[in-house]
Protein backbone atom coordinates (compact mmCIF):
# COMPACT_ATOMS: atom_id res chain seq x y z
CA UNK A 1 -8.87 -7.78 1.66
CA UNK A 2 -8.51 -6.51 5.21
CA UNK A 3 -8.85 -8.37 8.49
CA UNK A 4 -12.12 -6.54 9.06
CA UNK A 5 -13.48 -7.69 5.68
CA UNK A 6 -12.80 -11.36 6.35
CA UNK A 7 -14.97 -11.48 9.45
CA UNK A 8 -12.20 -13.31 11.33
CA UNK A 9 -12.99 -13.70 14.99
CA UNK A 10 -11.23 -15.85 17.48
CA UNK A 11 -7.85 -15.67 19.07
CA UNK A 12 -4.87 -13.45 18.42
CA UNK A 13 -1.59 -15.06 19.50
CA UNK A 14 1.04 -12.71 20.86
CA UNK A 15 4.29 -14.61 20.50
CA UNK A 16 7.73 -13.99 21.95
CA UNK A 17 10.95 -15.90 21.48
CA UNK A 18 13.06 -17.02 24.44
CA UNK A 19 16.50 -18.08 23.25
CA UNK A 20 18.25 -18.59 26.60
CA UNK A 21 17.71 -18.52 30.33
CA UNK A 22 18.37 -15.18 31.96
CA UNK A 23 16.85 -12.03 33.31
CA UNK A 24 14.29 -11.59 30.56
CA UNK A 25 11.15 -12.63 32.36
CA UNK A 26 10.34 -9.10 33.52
CA UNK A 27 9.94 -8.09 29.86
CA UNK A 28 7.56 -10.99 29.29
CA UNK A 29 5.60 -10.00 32.41
CA UNK A 30 5.19 -6.38 31.31
CA UNK A 31 4.34 -7.36 27.72
CA UNK A 32 1.76 -9.92 28.86
CA UNK A 33 0.12 -7.41 31.19
CA UNK A 34 0.04 -4.78 28.43
CA UNK A 35 -1.55 -7.23 25.98
CA UNK A 36 -4.20 -8.10 28.57
CA UNK A 37 -4.89 -4.42 29.15
CA UNK A 38 -5.34 -3.52 25.47
CA UNK A 39 -7.59 -6.54 24.92
CA UNK A 40 -10.08 -5.58 27.62
CA UNK A 41 -12.28 -3.87 25.05
CA UNK A 42 -11.25 -5.88 22.00
CA UNK A 43 -13.59 -8.18 20.10
CA UNK A 44 -10.79 -10.76 19.84
CA UNK A 45 -9.55 -13.19 22.45
CA UNK A 46 -5.81 -13.39 22.95
CA UNK A 47 -3.20 -15.97 23.86
CA UNK A 48 0.34 -15.45 25.09
CA UNK A 49 2.75 -17.85 23.36
CA UNK A 50 6.44 -18.20 24.20
CA UNK A 51 8.51 -19.94 21.54
CA UNK A 52 11.28 -21.33 23.74
CA UNK A 53 14.57 -22.85 22.60
CA UNK A 54 15.06 -26.45 23.71
CA UNK A 55 18.08 -25.44 25.85
CA UNK A 56 15.93 -23.14 28.02
CA UNK A 57 14.72 -24.64 31.29
CA UNK A 58 14.82 -22.19 34.23
CA UNK A 59 12.65 -19.60 32.47
CA UNK A 60 9.78 -21.97 31.71
CA UNK A 61 8.08 -22.12 35.17
CA UNK A 62 7.94 -18.32 35.61
CA UNK A 63 6.68 -17.87 32.05
CA UNK A 64 3.92 -20.39 32.68
CA UNK A 65 3.04 -18.65 35.96
CA UNK A 66 2.66 -15.41 33.99
CA UNK A 67 0.19 -17.06 31.61
CA UNK A 68 2.48 -17.83 28.66
CA UNK A 69 1.81 -21.04 26.74
CA UNK A 70 5.19 -22.71 26.13
CA UNK A 71 6.12 -24.01 22.68
CA UNK A 72 9.59 -25.64 22.84
CA UNK A 73 11.45 -25.68 19.55
CA UNK A 74 14.93 -26.16 18.18
CA UNK A 75 16.25 -24.08 15.32
CA UNK A 76 14.11 -24.57 12.20
CA UNK A 77 17.22 -25.51 10.20
CA UNK A 78 20.95 -25.87 10.61
CA UNK A 79 23.24 -23.04 9.58
CA UNK A 80 25.06 -25.67 7.53
CA UNK A 81 21.98 -25.76 5.27
CA UNK A 82 22.67 -22.19 4.15
CA UNK A 83 24.58 -22.36 0.88
CA UNK A 84 26.27 -19.01 1.34
CA UNK A 85 28.53 -19.82 4.29
CA UNK A 86 29.71 -16.22 4.53
CA UNK A 87 26.10 -15.25 5.18
CA UNK A 88 25.67 -18.16 7.62
CA UNK A 89 28.69 -16.93 9.56
CA UNK A 90 27.20 -13.43 9.73
CA UNK A 91 23.85 -14.81 10.93
CA UNK A 92 25.57 -16.66 13.75
CA UNK A 93 26.74 -13.40 15.35
CA UNK A 94 23.99 -11.00 14.27
CA UNK A 95 21.55 -9.31 16.65
CA UNK A 96 21.28 -9.92 20.35
CA UNK A 97 20.95 -13.67 20.06
CA UNK A 98 22.77 -14.55 16.85
CA UNK A 99 21.45 -17.54 14.95
CA UNK A 100 18.94 -18.26 17.72
CA UNK A 101 16.91 -15.38 16.26
CA UNK A 102 15.86 -17.94 13.64
CA UNK A 103 13.46 -19.35 16.26
CA UNK A 104 11.16 -16.47 15.31
CA UNK A 105 10.40 -18.34 12.09
CA UNK A 106 8.37 -20.79 14.19
CA UNK A 107 5.74 -18.05 14.58
CA UNK A 108 4.59 -19.07 11.09
CA UNK A 109 3.72 -22.52 12.46
CA UNK A 110 1.19 -21.18 14.98
CA UNK A 111 -1.67 -21.88 12.59
CA UNK A 112 -4.33 -22.64 15.17
CA UNK A 113 -4.74 -18.92 15.84
CA UNK A 114 -6.68 -16.47 13.68
CA UNK A 115 -3.51 -14.42 13.46
CA UNK A 116 -0.15 -14.09 15.17
CA UNK A 117 1.75 -11.02 16.30
CA UNK A 118 5.38 -11.75 17.13
CA UNK A 119 6.89 -9.15 19.43
CA UNK A 120 10.21 -8.73 21.14
CA UNK A 121 9.96 -8.64 24.92
CA UNK A 122 10.95 -4.97 24.97
CA UNK A 123 7.91 -3.92 22.93
CA UNK A 124 4.71 -2.52 24.37
CA UNK A 125 1.31 -2.45 22.63
CA UNK A 126 -0.66 0.73 23.26
CA UNK A 127 -3.85 0.05 21.34
CA UNK A 128 -6.19 -2.89 20.94
CA UNK A 129 -5.82 -4.87 17.70
CA UNK A 130 -8.90 -3.35 16.09
CA UNK A 131 -7.24 0.05 16.41
CA UNK A 132 -4.19 -0.89 14.35
CA UNK A 133 -4.94 -4.07 12.47
CA UNK A 134 -8.36 -3.62 10.88
CA UNK A 135 -6.97 -2.11 7.69
CA UNK A 136 -3.86 -4.27 7.36
CA UNK A 137 -3.68 -6.41 4.25
CA UNK A 138 -4.60 -10.01 4.90
CA UNK A 139 -3.28 -12.56 2.42
CA UNK A 140 -4.75 -16.02 2.01
CA UNK A 141 -2.08 -18.70 2.23
CA UNK A 142 -3.51 -22.20 2.07
CA UNK A 143 -6.35 -22.30 4.60
CA UNK A 144 -4.82 -19.69 6.88
CA UNK A 145 -5.12 -15.92 6.92
CA UNK A 146 -1.67 -14.39 7.24
CA UNK A 147 -1.15 -10.73 8.01
CA UNK A 148 1.75 -9.20 6.17
CA UNK A 149 2.69 -5.58 6.56
């Protein structure tokens, strides 16, 4: 089944993760503008969603001013919950933001949208969703359509 076959219409959420305050807002501004540009001729509405760590405060007003809906969340689970503590230790220092990258898992909770695209703030969409998503597999999970590719 593809997205096109399901007849899904509605809103596409473009989600980012903000793990700490800093000079990252310019990336969110450019990404939000690019999303708006590619959606001008799309049949889907779009929403900008920022999944923001609970410790972030200074970045929230500028994100809101740029049109991002703020979803404040803590980590979805403690690193202590990971049985393999060697792995947990590696997660803590991996990537740009270490264990705070786990905030991206909250994108799966954005179930009010037809579908969700989680992007890093240094990404840049060049085509409208119908150009790149119409043939993606769409798997039914509970009552939600989840795109997995």
